[in-house]
Amino acid sequence: QVQLVESGGGLVQAGGSLRLSCAVSGITFSIYGMDWYRQAPGKQRELVAGISKDGATFYVDSVKGRFTISRDNAKMTLYLQMNSLKVEDTAVYYCRILTYWGKGTLVTVSS
C-alpha cells in the first residue's frame, strides 16, 4: 500500500521559512519523479515544483529562487524548502508520486 505523509506546515510571517517533508512508503521511491502541488482557498490545485529520479528540478515561476525541492532516496523522503515566504504562498501543500497523493499540510503566511 502506497502512503505519502506530508509534514512541516504551519503559520509563519511573511519573509519567513518553512521546510516541508513528504515521507513515502510502499513503493520503490528512487525510480520515480515526484512533485509538490498546492491549493489555495478557492483556487485550483497547481504544480509548484518537481524533481526527477535523477535529481533534475522544475519550479513554477512564482517560486523560483525562493523554494528548493530535494529528495533523500535512502530515507524515502521528499522535501520542499520554502524561503522568503509571501502571503500568496498560503495553501495546502501536497506531494505526489505517480497517481498517489498525500493528504496535505497547511501553510499559512501572515502579513
Protein backbone atom coordinates (compact mmCIF):
# COMPACT_ATOMS: atom_id res chain seq x y z
CA GLN A 1 0.00 0.00 0.00
CA VAL A 2 1.50 3.30 -1.10
CA GLN A 3 1.40 6.05 1.51
CA LEU A 4 2.56 9.64 1.37
CA VAL A 5 2.58 11.70 4.54
CA GLU A 6 3.36 15.41 4.45
CA SER A 7 4.57 17.37 7.45
CA GLY A 8 6.20 20.68 8.30
CA GLY A 9 3.40 23.08 7.55
CA GLY A 10 2.37 25.82 9.93
CA LEU A 11 1.91 29.53 10.48
CA VAL A 12 4.77 31.82 9.54
CA GLN A 13 5.19 35.53 8.97
CA ALA A 14 5.90 36.89 5.52
CA GLY A 15 9.60 36.63 4.80
CA GLY A 16 9.98 33.55 6.93
CA SER A 17 10.87 29.98 6.04
CA LEU A 18 9.41 26.51 6.35
CA ARG A 19 10.62 23.08 5.31
CA LEU A 20 8.04 20.57 4.18
CA SER A 21 8.66 16.84 4.19
CA CYS A 22 6.85 14.02 2.46
CA ALA A 23 7.56 10.54 3.78
CA VAL A 24 6.82 7.81 1.25
CA SER A 25 6.28 4.10 1.81
CA GLY A 26 5.06 1.12 -0.18
CA ILE A 27 6.77 1.98 -3.47
CA THR A 28 10.27 1.97 -4.94
CA PHE A 29 10.84 5.64 -4.24
CA SER A 30 14.15 6.07 -6.03
CA ILE A 31 12.95 5.22 -9.53
CA TYR A 32 10.22 7.83 -9.80
CA GLY A 33 9.99 11.56 -10.07
CA MET A 34 7.95 13.42 -7.50
CA ASP A 35 6.14 16.72 -7.29
CA TRP A 36 4.84 19.26 -4.84
CA TYR A 37 1.47 20.84 -5.53
CA ARG A 38 -0.51 23.41 -3.61
CA GLN A 39 -4.11 24.50 -3.42
CA ALA A 40 -5.04 27.91 -2.10
CA PRO A 41 -8.55 28.63 -0.83
CA GLY A 42 -10.95 28.97 -3.73
CA LYS A 43 -8.32 28.08 -6.31
CA GLN A 44 -7.36 25.05 -8.33
CA ARG A 45 -4.51 22.82 -7.30
CA GLU A 46 -1.29 23.89 -9.02
CA LEU A 47 2.10 22.32 -9.58
CA VAL A 48 4.78 24.09 -7.56
CA ALA A 49 7.94 22.06 -8.10
CA GLY A 50 9.09 18.70 -9.37
CA ILE A 51 12.18 16.54 -9.16
CA SER A 52 13.12 13.63 -11.40
CA LYS A 53 14.60 10.36 -10.22
CA ASP A 54 17.97 11.73 -11.28
CA GLY A 55 17.57 15.00 -9.40
CA ALA A 56 16.58 17.35 -12.21
CA THR A 57 14.27 20.01 -10.85
CA PHE A 58 11.42 22.17 -12.07
CA TYR A 59 9.79 25.20 -10.46
CA VAL A 60 6.80 27.30 -11.31
CA ASP A 61 7.86 30.89 -11.96
CA SER A 62 6.23 32.25 -8.84
CA VAL A 63 8.53 30.26 -6.53
CA LYS A 64 11.78 30.26 -8.48
CA GLY A 65 14.67 31.46 -6.35
CA ARG A 66 12.67 31.02 -3.13
CA PHE A 67 11.75 27.32 -2.99
CA THR A 68 14.06 24.32 -3.29
CA ILE A 69 12.85 20.78 -3.90
CA SER A 70 15.08 17.89 -2.91
CA ARG A 71 14.90 14.20 -2.16
CA ASP A 72 16.63 11.68 0.05
CA ASN A 73 16.26 8.27 -1.56
CA ALA A 74 17.70 6.45 1.45
CA LYS A 75 15.05 7.99 3.69
CA MET A 76 12.36 7.81 1.00
CA THR A 77 11.53 11.41 1.71
CA LEU A 78 10.80 14.40 -0.47
CA TYR A 79 11.45 17.94 0.79
CA LEU A 80 10.44 21.46 -0.08
CA GLN A 81 12.49 24.24 1.48
CA MET A 82 10.47 27.45 1.29
CA ASN A 83 12.22 30.75 1.93
CA SER A 84 11.08 34.37 1.64
CA LEU A 85 7.50 33.24 2.03
CA LYS A 86 4.75 35.51 0.81
CA VAL A 87 1.10 35.78 1.82
CA GLU A 88 0.17 34.37 -1.57
CA ASP A 89 2.05 31.15 -0.74
CA THR A 90 -0.72 30.31 1.73
CA ALA A 91 -2.17 26.97 0.68
CA VAL A 92 -2.42 23.30 1.45
CA TYR A 93 0.70 21.65 0.05
CA TYR A 94 0.55 18.12 -1.35
CA CYS A 95 3.20 15.71 -2.55
CA ARG A 96 2.59 13.31 -5.42
CA ILE A 97 4.27 10.22 -6.85
CA LEU A 98 2.64 8.64 -9.90
CA THR A 99 -1.09 8.72 -9.13
CA TYR A 100 -0.64 8.73 -5.38
CA TRP A 101 -1.18 11.80 -3.23
CA GLY A 102 -0.67 12.73 0.37
CA LYS A 103 -3.39 14.38 2.43
CA GLY A 104 -1.59 17.69 2.51
CA THR A 105 -0.08 20.05 5.03
CA LEU A 106 -1.35 23.60 5.57
CA VAL A 107 0.99 26.53 5.15
CA THR A 108 -0.31 29.90 6.32
CA VAL A 109 1.75 33.02 5.72
CA SER A 110 0.68 36.11 7.62
CA SER A 111 1.45 39.69 6.68
